[in-house]
Amino acid sequence: MSKSIKLIALAGLLAAVTACAQQEEEFVVVEPVTEEPTFTGKYN
């Protein structure tokens, strides 16, 4: 194979490896907007 084909294949392989290796899941914590109702003792 010629050197140019080898270099193109190597560049493509490196690009594929770096694209697959950098995937991390993003963990999102959602804060509640309203508070839950609290016991007031109104209905005993």
N, C-alpha and C. Protein backbone atom coordinates (compact mmCIF):
# COMPACT_ATOMS: atom_id res chain seq x y z
N MET A 1 0.84 -1.18 0.00
CA MET A 1 0.00 0.00 0.00
C MET A 1 0.88 1.24 0.00
N SER A 2 0.35 2.28 -0.55
CA SER A 2 1.12 3.52 -0.57
C SER A 2 1.05 4.20 0.79
N LYS A 3 1.97 5.10 1.03
CA LYS A 3 2.03 5.77 2.33
C LYS A 3 0.81 6.65 2.57
N SER A 4 0.29 7.26 1.52
CA SER A 4 -0.86 8.14 1.70
C SER A 4 -2.10 7.36 2.14
N ILE A 5 -2.30 6.17 1.58
CA ILE A 5 -3.44 5.35 1.98
C ILE A 5 -3.28 4.90 3.42
N LYS A 6 -2.07 4.55 3.83
CA LYS A 6 -1.82 4.14 5.21
C LYS A 6 -2.08 5.30 6.17
N LEU A 7 -1.64 6.51 5.79
CA LEU A 7 -1.85 7.66 6.66
C LEU A 7 -3.33 8.01 6.79
N ILE A 8 -4.07 7.92 5.69
CA ILE A 8 -5.51 8.19 5.74
C ILE A 8 -6.22 7.16 6.60
N ALA A 9 -5.83 5.88 6.45
CA ALA A 9 -6.45 4.83 7.25
C ALA A 9 -6.11 5.01 8.73
N LEU A 10 -4.88 5.39 9.03
CA LEU A 10 -4.49 5.62 10.41
C LEU A 10 -5.24 6.80 11.02
N ALA A 11 -5.39 7.88 10.26
CA ALA A 11 -6.12 9.05 10.74
C ALA A 11 -7.58 8.70 11.01
N GLY A 12 -8.19 7.92 10.15
CA GLY A 12 -9.58 7.50 10.34
C GLY A 12 -9.74 6.61 11.55
N LEU A 13 -8.78 5.71 11.75
CA LEU A 13 -8.83 4.83 12.91
C LEU A 13 -8.68 5.62 14.20
N LEU A 14 -7.74 6.55 14.22
CA LEU A 14 -7.56 7.38 15.42
C LEU A 14 -8.80 8.24 15.70
N ALA A 15 -9.41 8.77 14.67
CA ALA A 15 -10.62 9.57 14.86
C ALA A 15 -11.75 8.73 15.43
N ALA A 16 -11.88 7.49 14.94
CA ALA A 16 -12.95 6.61 15.43
C ALA A 16 -12.70 6.22 16.88
N VAL A 17 -11.45 5.93 17.23
CA VAL A 17 -11.14 5.54 18.60
C VAL A 17 -11.37 6.69 19.57
N THR A 18 -10.95 7.89 19.21
CA THR A 18 -11.15 9.03 20.12
C THR A 18 -12.63 9.40 20.23
N ALA A 19 -13.39 9.24 19.18
CA ALA A 19 -14.83 9.54 19.24
C ALA A 19 -15.55 8.56 20.15
N CYS A 20 -15.16 7.31 20.13
CA CYS A 20 -15.82 6.30 20.95
C CYS A 20 -15.35 6.34 22.40
N ALA A 21 -14.14 6.76 22.65
CA ALA A 21 -13.58 6.71 23.99
C ALA A 21 -14.05 7.86 24.87
N GLN A 22 -14.50 8.97 24.31
CA GLN A 22 -14.82 10.15 25.10
C GLN A 22 -16.29 10.24 25.47
N GLN A 23 -17.05 9.18 25.34
CA GLN A 23 -18.48 9.25 25.65
C GLN A 23 -18.69 9.00 27.14
N GLU A 24 -19.20 10.01 27.82
CA GLU A 24 -19.57 9.89 29.23
C GLU A 24 -21.02 10.32 29.37
N GLU A 25 -21.75 9.58 30.20
CA GLU A 25 -23.14 9.95 30.42
C GLU A 25 -23.20 11.15 31.35
N GLU A 26 -24.09 12.04 31.05
CA GLU A 26 -24.26 13.23 31.88
C GLU A 26 -25.32 12.94 32.93
N PHE A 27 -24.97 13.14 34.19
CA PHE A 27 -25.88 12.86 35.29
C PHE A 27 -26.50 14.18 35.74
N VAL A 28 -27.82 14.31 35.61
CA VAL A 28 -28.50 15.55 35.92
C VAL A 28 -29.41 15.33 37.11
N VAL A 29 -29.29 16.18 38.13
CA VAL A 29 -30.16 16.13 39.30
C VAL A 29 -31.15 17.28 39.18
N VAL A 30 -32.43 16.93 39.23
CA VAL A 30 -33.47 17.95 39.09
C VAL A 30 -34.03 18.24 40.47
N GLU A 31 -33.92 19.48 40.89
CA GLU A 31 -34.46 19.89 42.18
C GLU A 31 -35.97 20.13 42.04
N PRO A 32 -36.76 19.73 43.03
CA PRO A 32 -38.20 20.00 42.94
C PRO A 32 -38.49 21.49 43.04
N VAL A 33 -39.45 21.94 42.26
CA VAL A 33 -39.79 23.36 42.23
C VAL A 33 -40.63 23.73 43.44
N THR A 34 -41.57 22.86 43.81
CA THR A 34 -42.45 23.14 44.94
C THR A 34 -42.14 22.16 46.07
N GLU A 35 -42.43 22.58 47.27
CA GLU A 35 -42.23 21.70 48.42
C GLU A 35 -43.45 20.81 48.60
N GLU A 36 -43.25 19.64 49.17
CA GLU A 36 -44.36 18.75 49.44
C GLU A 36 -45.16 19.30 50.61
N PRO A 37 -46.47 19.04 50.61
CA PRO A 37 -47.30 19.55 51.70
C PRO A 37 -46.88 18.94 53.04
N THR A 38 -46.88 19.76 54.05
CA THR A 38 -46.50 19.29 55.38
C THR A 38 -47.74 19.16 56.26
N PHE A 39 -47.63 18.34 57.28
CA PHE A 39 -48.77 18.11 58.18
C PHE A 39 -48.92 19.32 59.09
N THR A 40 -50.13 19.92 59.08
CA THR A 40 -50.39 21.11 59.90
C THR A 40 -51.28 20.79 61.10
N GLY A 41 -51.89 19.62 61.14
CA GLY A 41 -52.76 19.27 62.26
C GLY A 41 -54.17 19.78 62.07
N LYS A 42 -54.51 20.28 60.90
CA LYS A 42 -55.83 20.87 60.69
C LYS A 42 -56.92 19.81 60.70
N TYR A 43 -56.67 18.64 60.10
CA TYR A 43 -57.70 17.61 60.04
C TYR A 43 -57.33 16.44 60.94
N ASN A 44 -57.63 16.54 62.21
CA ASN A 44 -57.34 15.46 63.15
C ASN A 44 -58.53 14.58 63.35
